[in-house]
PDB file of N, CA and C in Angstrom:
ATOM      1  N   MET A   1      99.410 103.235  90.856  1.00  0.00           N
ATOM      2  CA  MET A   1      99.077 102.735  92.186  1.00  0.00           C
ATOM      3  C   MET A   1     100.259 102.964  93.121  1.00  0.00           C
ATOM      4  N   SER A   2      99.936 103.232  94.374  1.00  0.00           N
ATOM      5  CA  SER A   2     100.981 103.471  95.364  1.00  0.00           C
ATOM      6  C   SER A   2     101.758 102.184  95.657  1.00  0.00           C
ATOM      7  N   ASN A   3     102.798 102.327  96.401  1.00  0.00           N
ATOM      8  CA  ASN A   3     103.690 101.263  96.800  1.00  0.00           C
ATOM      9  C   ASN A   3     102.923 100.179  97.587  1.00  0.00           C
ATOM     10  N   THR A   4     103.079  98.900  97.186  1.00  0.00           N
ATOM     11  CA  THR A   4     102.410  97.794  97.866  1.00  0.00           C
ATOM     12  C   THR A   4     103.390  96.630  98.030  1.00  0.00           C
ATOM     13  N   PRO A   5     104.114  96.577  99.167  1.00  0.00           N
ATOM     14  CA  PRO A   5     105.108  95.510  99.346  1.00  0.00           C
ATOM     15  C   PRO A   5     104.502  94.113  99.250  1.00  0.00           C
ATOM     16  N   SER A   6     105.173  93.252  98.496  1.00  0.00           N
ATOM     17  CA  SER A   6     104.631  91.912  98.229  1.00  0.00           C
ATOM     18  C   SER A   6     104.709  90.980  99.433  1.00  0.00           C
ATOM     19  N   GLU A   7     105.562  91.270 100.420  1.00  0.00           N
ATOM     20  CA  GLU A   7     105.688  90.374 101.567  1.00  0.00           C
ATOM     21  C   GLU A   7     104.585  90.580 102.609  1.00  0.00           C
ATOM     22  N   LEU A   8     103.756  91.596 102.412  1.00  0.00           N
ATOM     23  CA  LEU A   8     102.681  91.887 103.360  1.00  0.00           C
ATOM     24  C   LEU A   8     101.354  91.321 102.871  1.00  0.00           C
ATOM     25  N   LYS A   9     100.394  91.214 103.801  1.00  0.00           N
ATOM     26  CA  LYS A   9      99.013  90.847 103.473  1.00  0.00           C
ATOM     27  C   LYS A   9      98.155  92.081 103.732  1.00  0.00           C
ATOM     28  N   TYR A  10      96.971  92.134 103.114  1.00  0.00           N
ATOM     29  CA  TYR A  10      96.157  93.361 103.140  1.00  0.00           C
ATOM     30  C   TYR A  10      94.679  93.084 103.393  1.00  0.00           C
ATOM     31  N   THR A  11      93.968  94.136 103.858  1.00  0.00           N
ATOM     32  CA  THR A  11      92.526  94.045 104.079  1.00  0.00           C
ATOM     33  C   THR A  11      91.799  95.041 103.184  1.00  0.00           C
ATOM     34  N   GLN A  12      90.497  94.851 103.041  1.00  0.00           N
ATOM     35  CA  GLN A  12      89.679  95.789 102.272  1.00  0.00           C
ATOM     36  C   GLN A  12      89.534  97.120 102.995  1.00  0.00           C
ATOM     37  N   GLU A  13      89.870  97.161 104.293  1.00  0.00           N
ATOM     38  CA  GLU A  13      89.823  98.420 105.045  1.00  0.00           C
ATOM     39  C   GLU A  13      91.169  99.150 104.983  1.00  0.00           C
ATOM     40  N   HIS A  14      92.097  98.632 104.189  1.00  0.00           N
ATOM     41  CA  HIS A  14      93.397  99.271 103.939  1.00  0.00           C
ATOM     42  C   HIS A  14      94.366  99.181 105.121  1.00  0.00           C
ATOM     43  N   GLU A  15      94.300  98.053 105.845  1.00  0.00           N
ATOM     44  CA  GLU A  15      95.341  97.746 106.814  1.00  0.00           C
ATOM     45  C   GLU A  15      96.293  96.737 106.177  1.00  0.00           C
ATOM     46  N   TRP A  16      97.540  96.764 106.632  1.00  0.00           N
ATOM     47  CA  TRP A  16      98.491  95.734 106.215  1.00  0.00           C
ATOM     48  C   TRP A  16      98.864  94.897 107.434  1.00  0.00           C
ATOM     49  N   ALA A  17      99.290  93.665 107.170  1.00  0.00           N
ATOM     50  CA  ALA A  17      99.715  92.748 108.225  1.00  0.00           C
ATOM     51  C   ALA A  17     101.009  92.074 107.784  1.00  0.00           C
ATOM     52  N   LYS A  18     101.940  91.975 108.741  1.00  0.00           N
ATOM     53  CA  LYS A  18     103.236  91.358 108.442  1.00  0.00           C
ATOM     54  C   LYS A  18     103.518  90.281 109.477  1.00  0.00           C
ATOM     55  N   LEU A  19     103.735  89.080 109.006  1.00  0.00           N
ATOM     56  CA  LEU A  19     104.038  87.954 109.886  1.00  0.00           C
ATOM     57  C   LEU A  19     105.507  87.992 110.275  1.00  0.00           C
ATOM     58  N   GLU A  20     105.766  87.975 111.596  1.00  0.00           N
ATOM     59  CA  GLU A  20     107.132  87.949 112.117  1.00  0.00           C
ATOM     60  C   GLU A  20     107.186  86.891 113.207  1.00  0.00           C
ATOM     61  N   GLY A  21     107.575  85.671 112.827  1.00  0.00           N
ATOM     62  CA  GLY A  21     107.552  84.558 113.773  1.00  0.00           C
ATOM     63  C   GLY A  21     106.109  84.209 114.084  1.00  0.00           C
ATOM     64  N   GLU A  22     105.725  84.329 115.367  1.00  0.00           N
ATOM     65  CA  GLU A  22     104.345  84.045 115.771  1.00  0.00           C
ATOM     66  C   GLU A  22     103.569  85.323 116.032  1.00  0.00           C
ATOM     67  N   VAL A  23     104.149  86.452 115.639  1.00  0.00           N
ATOM     68  CA  VAL A  23     103.541  87.754 115.897  1.00  0.00           C
ATOM     69  C   VAL A  23     103.214  88.431 114.567  1.00  0.00           C
ATOM     70  N   ILE A  24     102.121  89.176 114.554  1.00  0.00           N
ATOM     71  CA  ILE A  24     101.743  89.901 113.340  1.00  0.00           C
ATOM     72  C   ILE A  24     101.705  91.385 113.627  1.00  0.00           C
ATOM     73  N   SER A  25     102.489  92.145 112.866  1.00  0.00           N
ATOM     74  CA  SER A  25     102.485  93.606 112.961  1.00  0.00           C
ATOM     75  C   SER A  25     101.398  94.140 112.040  1.00  0.00           C
ATOM     76  N   ILE A  26     100.715  95.195 112.484  1.00  0.00           N
ATOM     77  CA  ILE A  26      99.605  95.758 111.719  1.00  0.00           C
ATOM     78  C   ILE A  26      99.786  97.270 111.585  1.00  0.00           C
ATOM     79  N   GLY A  27      99.500  97.777 110.383  1.00  0.00           N
ATOM     80  CA  GLY A  27      99.546  99.217 110.142  1.00  0.00           C
ATOM     81  C   GLY A  27      98.548  99.554 109.041  1.00  0.00           C
ATOM     82  N   ILE A  28      98.607 100.795 108.553  1.00  0.00           N
ATOM     83  CA  ILE A  28      97.734 101.154 107.429  1.00  0.00           C
ATOM     84  C   ILE A  28      98.570 101.283 106.162  1.00  0.00           C
ATOM     85  N   THR A  29      97.921 101.091 105.043  1.00  0.00           N
ATOM     86  CA  THR A  29      98.623 101.076 103.764  1.00  0.00           C
ATOM     87  C   THR A  29      98.949 102.478 103.263  1.00  0.00           C
ATOM     88  N   ASP A  30      99.822 102.515 102.279  1.00  0.00           N
ATOM     89  CA  ASP A  30     100.189 103.758 101.615  1.00  0.00           C
ATOM     90  C   ASP A  30      98.947 104.376 100.956  1.00  0.00           C
ATOM     91  N   PHE A  31      98.101 103.517 100.389  1.00  0.00           N
ATOM     92  CA  PHE A  31      96.846 103.977  99.773  1.00  0.00           C
ATOM     93  C   PHE A  31      95.998 104.700 100.822  1.00  0.00           C
ATOM     94  N   ALA A  32      95.899 104.116 102.021  1.00  0.00           N
ATOM     95  CA  ALA A  32      95.098 104.709 103.094  1.00  0.00           C
ATOM     96  C   ALA A  32      95.659 106.057 103.531  1.00  0.00           C
ATOM     97  N   GLN A  33      96.972 106.102 103.775  1.00  0.00           N
ATOM     98  CA  GLN A  33      97.540 107.365 104.261  1.00  0.00           C
ATOM     99  C   GLN A  33      97.436 108.458 103.212  1.00  0.00           C
ATOM    100  N   SER A  34      97.581 108.110 101.924  1.00  0.00           N
ATOM    101  CA  SER A  34      97.480 109.154 100.896  1.00  0.00           C
ATOM    102  C   SER A  34      96.036 109.622 100.730  1.00  0.00           C
ATOM    103  N   SER A  35      95.064 108.708 100.961  1.00  0.00           N
ATOM    104  CA  SER A  35      93.652 109.097 100.915  1.00  0.00           C
ATOM    105  C   SER A  35      93.280 109.989 102.093  1.00  0.00           C
ATOM    106  N   LEU A  36      93.862 109.689 103.244  1.00  0.00           N
ATOM    107  CA  LEU A  36      93.549 110.450 104.460  1.00  0.00           C
ATOM    108  C   LEU A  36      94.145 111.851 104.437  1.00  0.00           C
ATOM    109  N   GLY A  37      95.335 111.988 103.861  1.00  0.00           N
ATOM    110  CA  GLY A  37      96.039 113.269 103.936  1.00  0.00           C
ATOM    111  C   GLY A  37      96.886 113.313 105.194  1.00  0.00           C
ATOM    112  N   ASP A  38      97.240 114.502 105.641  1.00  0.00           N
ATOM    113  CA  ASP A  38      98.154 114.644 106.778  1.00  0.00           C
ATOM    114  C   ASP A  38      97.536 114.096 108.061  1.00  0.00           C
ATOM    115  N   ILE A  39      98.172 113.054 108.602  1.00  0.00           N
ATOM    116  CA  ILE A  39      97.675 112.425 109.821  1.00  0.00           C
ATOM    117  C   ILE A  39      98.144 113.221 111.027  1.00  0.00           C
ATOM    118  N   VAL A  40      97.188 113.557 111.896  1.00  0.00           N
ATOM    119  CA  VAL A  40      97.483 114.422 113.037  1.00  0.00           C
ATOM    120  C   VAL A  40      97.263 113.752 114.392  1.00  0.00           C
ATOM    121  N   PHE A  41      96.552 112.619 114.412  1.00  0.00           N
ATOM    122  CA  PHE A  41      96.240 111.978 115.689  1.00  0.00           C
ATOM    123  C   PHE A  41      96.046 110.485 115.474  1.00  0.00           C
ATOM    124  N   LEU A  42      96.490 109.718 116.465  1.00  0.00           N
ATOM    125  CA  LEU A  42      96.375 108.270 116.401  1.00  0.00           C
ATOM    126  C   LEU A  42      95.993 107.751 117.777  1.00  0.00           C
ATOM    127  N   GLU A  43      94.964 106.930 117.824  1.00  0.00           N
ATOM    128  CA  GLU A  43      94.544 106.308 119.087  1.00  0.00           C
ATOM    129  C   GLU A  43      94.653 104.805 118.913  1.00  0.00           C
ATOM    130  N   LEU A  44      95.408 104.160 119.805  1.00  0.00           N
ATOM    131  CA  LEU A  44      95.640 102.722 119.714  1.00  0.00           C
ATOM    132  C   LEU A  44      95.240 102.044 121.023  1.00  0.00           C
ATOM    133  N   PRO A  45      94.982 100.733 120.979  1.00  0.00           N
ATOM    134  CA  PRO A  45      94.569 100.011 122.195  1.00  0.00           C
ATOM    135  C   PRO A  45      95.758  99.796 123.136  1.00  0.00           C
ATOM    136  N   GLU A  46      95.463  99.379 124.342  1.00  0.00           N
ATOM    137  CA  GLU A  46      96.519  99.069 125.311  1.00  0.00           C
ATOM    138  C   GLU A  46      96.993  97.630 125.117  1.00  0.00           C
ATOM    139  N   VAL A  47      98.220  97.368 125.549  1.00  0.00           N
ATOM    140  CA  VAL A  47      98.753  96.005 125.536  1.00  0.00           C
ATOM    141  C   VAL A  47      97.832  95.136 126.374  1.00  0.00           C
ATOM    142  N   GLY A  48      97.539  93.946 125.882  1.00  0.00           N
ATOM    143  CA  GLY A  48      96.651  93.032 126.587  1.00  0.00           C
ATOM    144  C   GLY A  48      95.223  93.060 126.073  1.00  0.00           C
ATOM    145  N   THR A  49      94.914  94.034 125.215  1.00  0.00           N
ATOM    146  CA  THR A  49      93.572  94.129 124.640  1.00  0.00           C
ATOM    147  C   THR A  49      93.320  92.937 123.718  1.00  0.00           C
ATOM    148  N   SER A  50      92.148  92.334 123.843  1.00  0.00           N
ATOM    149  CA  SER A  50      91.755  91.256 122.933  1.00  0.00           C
ATOM    150  C   SER A  50      91.033  91.860 121.746  1.00  0.00           C
ATOM    151  N   LEU A  51      91.442  91.468 120.550  1.00  0.00           N
ATOM    152  CA  LEU A  51      90.837  91.980 119.323  1.00  0.00           C
ATOM    153  C   LEU A  51      89.996  90.899 118.658  1.00  0.00           C
ATOM    154  N   ASP A  52      88.898  91.321 118.058  1.00  0.00           N
ATOM    155  CA  ASP A  52      88.105  90.434 117.225  1.00  0.00           C
ATOM    156  C   ASP A  52      88.404  90.768 115.775  1.00  0.00           C
ATOM    157  N   LYS A  53      88.387  89.762 114.925  1.00  0.00           N
ATOM    158  CA  LYS A  53      88.618  89.984 113.504  1.00  0.00           C
ATOM    159  C   LYS A  53      87.593  90.979 112.957  1.00  0.00           C
ATOM    160  N   ASP A  54      88.061  91.934 112.165  1.00  0.00           N
ATOM    161  CA  ASP A  54      87.238  92.945 111.495  1.00  0.00           C
ATOM    162  C   ASP A  54      86.590  93.957 112.454  1.00  0.00           C
ATOM    163  N   SER A  55      87.011  93.973 113.718  1.00  0.00           N
ATOM    164  CA  SER A  55      86.444  94.953 114.645  1.00  0.00           C
ATOM    165  C   SER A  55      87.428  96.114 114.835  1.00  0.00           C
ATOM    166  N   PRO A  56      86.929  97.297 115.182  1.00  0.00           N
ATOM    167  CA  PRO A  56      87.819  98.459 115.342  1.00  0.00           C
ATOM    168  C   PRO A  56      88.810  98.257 116.488  1.00  0.00           C
ATOM    169  N   PHE A  57      90.068  98.662 116.274  1.00  0.00           N
ATOM    170  CA  PHE A  57      91.062  98.604 117.345  1.00  0.00           C
ATOM    171  C   PHE A  57      91.625  99.983 117.673  1.00  0.00           C
ATOM    172  N   GLY A  58      91.284 100.981 116.889  1.00  0.00           N
ATOM    173  CA  GLY A  58      91.814 102.310 117.138  1.00  0.00           C
ATOM    174  C   GLY A  58      91.246 103.300 116.144  1.00  0.00           C
ATOM    175  N   VAL A  59      91.803 104.513 116.207  1.00  0.00           N
ATOM    176  CA  VAL A  59      91.318 105.603 115.356  1.00  0.00           C
ATOM    177  C   VAL A  59      92.516 106.355 114.794  1.00  0.00           C
ATOM    178  N   VAL A  60      92.404 106.712 113.516  1.00  0.00           N
ATOM    179  CA  VAL A  60      93.403 107.576 112.895  1.00  0.00           C
ATOM    180  C   VAL A  60      92.663 108.833 112.421  1.00  0.00           C
ATOM    181  N   GLU A  61      93.251 109.978 112.746  1.00  0.00           N
ATOM    182  CA  GLU A  61      92.603 111.248 112.401  1.00  0.00           C
ATOM    183  C   GLU A  61      93.556 112.050 111.522  1.00  0.00           C
ATOM    184  N   SER A  62      92.999 112.569 110.436  1.00  0.00           N
ATOM    185  CA  SER A  62      93.795 113.416 109.553  1.00  0.00           C
ATOM    186  C   SER A  62      93.145 114.789 109.490  1.00  0.00           C
ATOM    187  N   ILE A  63      93.757 115.685 108.720  1.00  0.00           N
ATOM    188  CA  ILE A  63      93.159 117.009 108.577  1.00  0.00           C
ATOM    189  C   ILE A  63      91.838 116.927 107.832  1.00  0.00           C
ATOM    190  N   LYS A  64      91.605 115.814 107.109  1.00  0.00           N
ATOM    191  CA  LYS A  64      90.375 115.649 106.329  1.00  0.00           C
ATOM    192  C   LYS A  64      89.287 114.855 107.031  1.00  0.00           C
ATOM    193  N   SER A  65      89.667 113.824 107.811  1.00  0.00           N
ATOM    194  CA  SER A  65      88.648 112.920 108.346  1.00  0.00           C
ATOM    195  C   SER A  65      89.147 112.130 109.540  1.00  0.00           C
ATOM    196  N   VAL A  66      88.218 111.425 110.173  1.00  0.00           N
ATOM    197  CA  VAL A  66      88.520 110.494 111.260  1.00  0.00           C
ATOM    198  C   VAL A  66      88.095 109.113 110.776  1.00  0.00           C
ATOM    199  N   SER A  67      88.981 108.136 110.906  1.00  0.00           N
ATOM    200  CA  SER A  67      88.682 106.782 110.427  1.00  0.00           C
ATOM    201  C   SER A  67      88.999 105.760 111.498  1.00  0.00           C
ATOM    202  N   ASP A  68      88.121 104.749 111.614  1.00  0.00           N
ATOM    203  CA  ASP A  68      88.417 103.618 112.492  1.00  0.00           C
ATOM    204  C   ASP A  68      89.498 102.763 111.853  1.00  0.00           C
ATOM    205  N   LEU A  69      90.276 102.114 112.701  1.00  0.00           N
ATOM    206  CA  LEU A  69      91.257 101.122 112.265  1.00  0.00           C
ATOM    207  C   LEU A  69      90.643  99.761 112.587  1.00  0.00           C
ATOM    208  N   PHE A  70      90.681  98.830 111.632  1.00  0.00           N
ATOM    209  CA  PHE A  70      90.053  97.534 111.827  1.00  0.00           C
ATOM    210  C   PHE A  70      91.098  96.430 111.910  1.00  0.00           C
ATOM    211  N   SER A  71      90.929  95.543 112.863  1.00  0.00           N
ATOM    212  CA  SER A  71      91.868  94.438 113.034  1.00  0.00           C
ATOM    213  C   SER A  71      91.647  93.375 111.966  1.00  0.00           C
ATOM    214  N   PRO A  72      92.705  93.003 111.245  1.00  0.00           N
ATOM    215  CA  PRO A  72      92.564  91.969 110.218  1.00  0.00           C
ATOM    216  C   PRO A  72      92.418  90.566 110.808  1.00  0.00           C
ATOM    217  N   LEU A  73      92.626  90.446 112.124  1.00  0.00           N
ATOM    218  CA  LEU A  73      92.572  89.126 112.730  1.00  0.00           C
ATOM    219  C   LEU A  73      92.230  89.225 114.210  1.00  0.00           C
ATOM    220  N   ALA A  74      91.784  88.093 114.765  1.00  0.00           N
ATOM    221  CA  ALA A  74      91.530  87.994 116.203  1.00  0.00           C
ATOM    222  C   ALA A  74      92.841  87.694 116.910  1.00  0.00           C
ATOM    223  N   GLY A  75      92.998  88.252 118.104  1.00  0.00           N
ATOM    224  CA  GLY A  75      94.196  87.978 118.874  1.00  0.00           C
ATOM    225  C   GLY A  75      94.379  88.970 119.999  1.00  0.00           C
ATOM    226  N   GLU A  76      95.557  88.923 120.614  1.00  0.00           N
ATOM    227  CA  GLU A  76      95.863  89.794 121.746  1.00  0.00           C
ATOM    228  C   GLU A  76      96.957  90.784 121.365  1.00  0.00           C
ATOM    229  N   VAL A  77      96.737  92.048 121.717  1.00  0.00           N
ATOM    230  CA  VAL A  77      97.747  93.086 121.477  1.00  0.00           C
ATOM    231  C   VAL A  77      98.906  92.853 122.444  1.00  0.00           C
ATOM    232  N   ILE A  78     100.106  92.619 121.907  1.00  0.00           N
ATOM    233  CA  ILE A  78     101.266  92.391 122.776  1.00  0.00           C
ATOM    234  C   ILE A  78     102.241  93.563 122.761  1.00  0.00           C
ATOM    235  N   GLU A  79     102.079  94.466 121.790  1.00  0.00           N
ATOM    236  CA  GLU A  79     102.945  95.649 121.737  1.00  0.00           C
ATOM    237  C   GLU A  79     102.216  96.762 121.001  1.00  0.00           C
ATOM    238  N   VAL A  80     102.434  97.995 121.460  1.00  0.00           N
ATOM    239  CA  VAL A  80     101.827  99.171 120.832  1.00  0.00           C
ATOM    240  C   VAL A  80     102.962 100.138 120.491  1.00  0.00           C
ATOM    241  N   ASN A  81     102.909 100.720 119.309  1.00  0.00           N
ATOM    242  CA  ASN A  81     103.945 101.654 118.863  1.00  0.00           C
ATOM    243  C   ASN A  81     103.669 103.051 119.440  1.00  0.00           C
ATOM    244  N   SER A  82     104.131 103.259 120.683  1.00  0.00           N
ATOM    245  CA  SER A  82     103.858 104.532 121.366  1.00  0.00           C
ATOM    246  C   SER A  82     104.571 105.703 120.692  1.00  0.00           C
ATOM    247  N   GLU A  83     105.713 105.448 120.037  1.00  0.00           N
ATOM    248  CA  GLU A  83     106.410 106.524 119.304  1.00  0.00           C
ATOM    249  C   GLU A  83     105.517 107.060 118.191  1.00  0.00           C
ATOM    250  N   LEU A  84     104.757 106.158 117.561  1.00  0.00           N
ATOM    251  CA  LEU A  84     103.871 106.559 116.469  1.00  0.00           C
ATOM    252  C   LEU A  84     102.690 107.375 116.999  1.00  0.00           C
ATOM    253  N   VAL A  85     102.212 107.035 118.192  1.00  0.00           N
ATOM    254  CA  VAL A  85     101.140 107.809 118.818  1.00  0.00           C
ATOM    255  C   VAL A  85     101.624 109.248 119.050  1.00  0.00           C
ATOM    256  N   ASP A  86     102.901 109.387 119.464  1.00  0.00           N
ATOM    257  CA  ASP A  86     103.485 110.715 119.709  1.00  0.00           C
ATOM    258  C   ASP A  86     103.780 111.460 118.416  1.00  0.00           C
ATOM    259  N   SER A  87     104.067 110.733 117.332  1.00  0.00           N
ATOM    260  CA  SER A  87     104.411 111.344 116.042  1.00  0.00           C
ATOM    261  C   SER A  87     103.640 110.674 114.906  1.00  0.00           C
ATOM    262  N   PRO A  88     102.307 110.824 114.886  1.00  0.00           N
ATOM    263  CA  PRO A  88     101.493 110.114 113.883  1.00  0.00           C
ATOM    264  C   PRO A  88     101.807 110.521 112.445  1.00  0.00           C
ATOM    265  N   GLU A  89     102.406 111.687 112.267  1.00  0.00           N
ATOM    266  CA  GLU A  89     102.752 112.140 110.913  1.00  0.00           C
ATOM    267  C   GLU A  89     103.776 111.218 110.246  1.00  0.00           C
ATOM    268  N   ASN A  90     104.471 110.389 111.034  1.00  0.00           N
ATOM    269  CA  ASN A  90     105.427 109.433 110.455  1.00  0.00           C
ATOM    270  C   ASN A  90     104.749 108.460 109.499  1.00  0.00           C
ATOM    271  N   ILE A  91     103.458 108.206 109.710  1.00  0.00           N
ATOM    272  CA  ILE A  91     102.724 107.310 108.820  1.00  0.00           C
ATOM    273  C   ILE A  91     102.710 107.880 107.398  1.00  0.00           C
ATOM    274  N   ASN A  92     102.591 109.206 107.286  1.00  0.00           N
ATOM    275  CA  ASN A  92     102.583 109.827 105.961  1.00  0.00           C
ATOM    276  C   ASN A  92     103.931 109.687 105.266  1.00  0.00           C
ATOM    277  N   GLU A  93     105.013 109.653 106.045  1.00  0.00           N
ATOM    278  CA  GLU A  93     106.349 109.545 105.451  1.00  0.00           C
ATOM    279  C   GLU A  93     106.601 108.147 104.910  1.00  0.00           C
ATOM    280  N   ASN A  94     106.229 107.119 105.678  1.00  0.00           N
ATOM    281  CA  ASN A  94     106.340 105.743 105.182  1.00  0.00           C
ATOM    282  C   ASN A  94     105.374 104.850 105.945  1.00  0.00           C
ATOM    283  N   ALA A  95     104.254 104.566 105.322  1.00  0.00           N
ATOM    284  CA  ALA A  95     103.197 103.782 105.969  1.00  0.00           C
ATOM    285  C   ALA A  95     103.669 102.383 106.346  1.00  0.00           C
ATOM    286  N   TYR A  96     104.597 101.816 105.585  1.00  0.00           N
ATOM    287  CA  TYR A  96     105.002 100.427 105.827  1.00  0.00           C
ATOM    288  C   TYR A  96     106.132 100.288 106.834  1.00  0.00           C
ATOM    289  N   ASP A  97     106.843 101.367 107.140  1.00  0.00           N
ATOM    290  CA  ASP A  97     107.878 101.314 108.174  1.00  0.00           C
ATOM    291  C   ASP A  97     107.279 101.568 109.551  1.00  0.00           C
ATOM    292  N   ASN A  98     106.019 101.968 109.600  1.00  0.00           N
ATOM    293  CA  ASN A  98     105.412 102.393 110.857  1.00  0.00           C
ATOM    294  C   ASN A  98     104.237 101.507 111.252  1.00  0.00           C
ATOM    295  N   TRP A  99     104.569 100.383 111.903  1.00  0.00           N
ATOM    296  CA  TRP A  99     103.531  99.490 112.420  1.00  0.00           C
ATOM    297  C   TRP A  99     102.826 100.188 113.576  1.00  0.00           C
ATOM    298  N   MET A 100     101.581  99.819 113.797  1.00  0.00           N
ATOM    299  CA  MET A 100     100.785 100.421 114.875  1.00  0.00           C
ATOM    300  C   MET A 100     100.713  99.518 116.098  1.00  0.00           C
ATOM    301  N   ILE A 101     100.354  98.252 115.850  1.00  0.00           N
ATOM    302  CA  ILE A 101     100.276  97.281 116.944  1.00  0.00           C
ATOM    303  C   ILE A 101     100.879  95.958 116.492  1.00  0.00           C
ATOM    304  N   LYS A 102     101.289  95.165 117.482  1.00  0.00           N
ATOM    305  CA  LYS A 102     101.726  93.794 117.222  1.00  0.00           C
ATOM    306  C   LYS A 102     100.770  92.880 117.973  1.00  0.00           C
ATOM    307  N   VAL A 103     100.320  91.846 117.267  1.00  0.00           N
ATOM    308  CA  VAL A 103      99.277  90.971 117.787  1.00  0.00           C
ATOM    309  C   VAL A 103      99.738  89.522 117.777  1.00  0.00           C
ATOM    310  N   LYS A 104      99.424  88.817 118.867  1.00  0.00           N
ATOM    311  CA  LYS A 104      99.596  87.363 118.887  1.00  0.00           C
ATOM    312  C   LYS A 104      98.263  86.801 118.414  1.00  0.00           C
ATOM    313  N   PRO A 105      98.220  86.223 117.206  1.00  0.00           N
ATOM    314  CA  PRO A 105      96.945  85.796 116.622  1.00  0.00           C
ATOM    315  C   PRO A 105      96.318  84.618 117.359  1.00  0.00           C
ATOM    316  N   ALA A 106      94.995  84.648 117.452  1.00  0.00           N
ATOM    317  CA  ALA A 106      94.248  83.540 118.043  1.00  0.00           C
ATOM    318  C   ALA A 106      94.143  82.399 117.035  1.00  0.00           C
ATOM    319  N   ASN A 107      94.144  82.753 115.745  1.00  0.00           N
ATOM    320  CA  ASN A 107      93.962  81.757 114.694  1.00  0.00           C
ATOM    321  C   ASN A 107      94.765  82.194 113.475  1.00  0.00           C
ATOM    322  N   MET A 108      95.792  81.446 113.128  1.00  0.00           N
ATOM    323  CA  MET A 108      96.644  81.814 112.005  1.00  0.00           C
ATOM    324  C   MET A 108      95.875  81.820 110.688  1.00  0.00           C
ATOM    325  N   GLY A 109      94.752  81.116 110.641  1.00  0.00           N
ATOM    326  CA  GLY A 109      93.923  81.098 109.441  1.00  0.00           C
ATOM    327  C   GLY A 109      93.434  82.487 109.063  1.00  0.00           C
ATOM    328  N   ASP A 110      93.228  83.357 110.070  1.00  0.00           N
ATOM    329  CA  ASP A 110      92.810  84.740 109.794  1.00  0.00           C
ATOM    330  C   ASP A 110      93.838  85.443 108.906  1.00  0.00           C
ATOM    331  N   TYR A 111      95.114  85.227 109.226  1.00  0.00           N
ATOM    332  CA  TYR A 111      96.196  85.851 108.460  1.00  0.00           C
ATOM    333  C   TYR A 111      96.232  85.292 107.035  1.00  0.00           C
ATOM    334  N   GLU A 112      96.088  83.986 106.933  1.00  0.00           N
ATOM    335  CA  GLU A 112      96.159  83.330 105.623  1.00  0.00           C
ATOM    336  C   GLU A 112      95.060  83.811 104.678  1.00  0.00           C
ATOM    337  N   GLU A 113      93.918  84.233 105.232  1.00  0.00           N
ATOM    338  CA  GLU A 113      92.780  84.669 104.421  1.00  0.00           C
ATOM    339  C   GLU A 113      92.928  86.090 103.867  1.00  0.00           C
ATOM    340  N   LEU A 114      93.897  86.848 104.344  1.00  0.00           N
ATOM    341  CA  LEU A 114      94.060  88.236 103.892  1.00  0.00           C
ATOM    342  C   LEU A 114      94.521  88.288 102.439  1.00  0.00           C
ATOM    343  N   MET A 115      94.324  89.437 101.808  1.00  0.00           N
ATOM    344  CA  MET A 115      94.687  89.598 100.393  1.00  0.00           C
ATOM    345  C   MET A 115      96.200  89.695 100.201  1.00  0.00           C
ATOM    346  N   SER A 116      96.654  89.168  99.076  1.00  0.00           N
ATOM    347  CA  SER A 116      98.048  89.359  98.664  1.00  0.00           C
ATOM    348  C   SER A 116      98.196  90.782  98.138  1.00  0.00           C
ATOM    349  N   ALA A 117      99.426  91.209  97.905  1.00  0.00           N
ATOM    350  CA  ALA A 117      99.680  92.546  97.351  1.00  0.00           C
ATOM    351  C   ALA A 117      98.976  92.695  96.000  1.00  0.00           C
ATOM    352  N   GLU A 118      99.030  91.654  95.193  1.00  0.00           N
ATOM    353  CA  GLU A 118      98.406  91.686  93.867  1.00  0.00           C
ATOM    354  C   GLU A 118      96.885  91.840  93.978  1.00  0.00           C
ATOM    355  N   GLN A 119      96.286  91.071  94.881  1.00  0.00           N
ATOM    356  CA  GLN A 119      94.834  91.161  95.091  1.00  0.00           C
ATOM    357  C   GLN A 119      94.453  92.544  95.623  1.00  0.00           C
ATOM    358  N   TYR A 120      95.261  93.065  96.542  1.00  0.00           N
ATOM    359  CA  TYR A 120      94.972  94.375  97.129  1.00  0.00           C
ATOM    360  C   TYR A 120      95.080  95.490  96.079  1.00  0.00           C
ATOM    361  N   THR A 121      96.094  95.414  95.254  1.00  0.00           N
ATOM    362  CA  THR A 121      96.269  96.407  94.191  1.00  0.00           C
ATOM    363  C   THR A 121      95.052  96.407  93.257  1.00  0.00           C
ATOM    364  N   SER A 122      94.597  95.212  92.883  1.00  0.00           N
ATOM    365  CA  SER A 122      93.399  95.094  92.044  1.00  0.00           C
ATOM    366  C   SER A 122      92.184  95.663  92.752  1.00  0.00           C
ATOM    367  N   PHE A 123      92.051  95.365  94.040  1.00  0.00           N
ATOM    368  CA  PHE A 123      90.935  95.880  94.833  1.00  0.00           C
ATOM    369  C   PHE A 123      90.924  97.420  94.830  1.00  0.00           C
ATOM    370  N   CYS A 124      92.088  98.014  95.062  1.00  0.00           N
ATOM    371  CA  CYS A 124      92.184  99.481  95.091  1.00  0.00           C
ATOM    372  C   CYS A 124      91.876 100.085  93.726  1.00  0.00           C
ATOM    373  N   ASP A 125      92.329  99.441  92.672  1.00  0.00           N
ATOM    374  CA  ASP A 125      92.092  99.942  91.325  1.00  0.00           C
ATOM    375  C   ASP A 125      90.603  99.910  90.965  1.00  0.00           C
ATOM    376  N   GLU A 126      89.882  98.933  91.527  1.00  0.00           N
ATOM    377  CA  GLU A 126      88.462  98.779  91.210  1.00  0.00           C
ATOM    378  C   GLU A 126      87.570  99.716  92.019  1.00  0.00           C
ATOM    379  N   ASN A 127      88.090 100.240  93.137  1.00  0.00           N
ATOM    380  CA  ASN A 127      87.246 101.021  94.052  1.00  0.00           C
ATOM    381  C   ASN A 127      87.558 102.496  94.071  1.00  0.00           C
TER     382      ASN A 127
END
């Protein structure tokens, strides 16, 4: 199984979430980037966008496919990683160093409900 940092939380759609104070950074997992192949394009929402839990917030495109990105929680986008939009291939180099958006959560319970690294690893192994 690919690298799965234990300090992060995970979704069944292969996004990761990292709590930093009252803000949550979101990106895609190593499993996702290796499944996608070489990432060539990234579309992210604008700052101020309201997200609903489990709803699409952007698109990642690789040489193999186009995939929606799903928000693990409801909240407001307070920062967007514009450097990553300009260089989406950085996700392939290290999926966990390259957050996509930072969100101020509407409900911290959404974050608490996400999978642990152990649960996510089991999920990936089963699917």
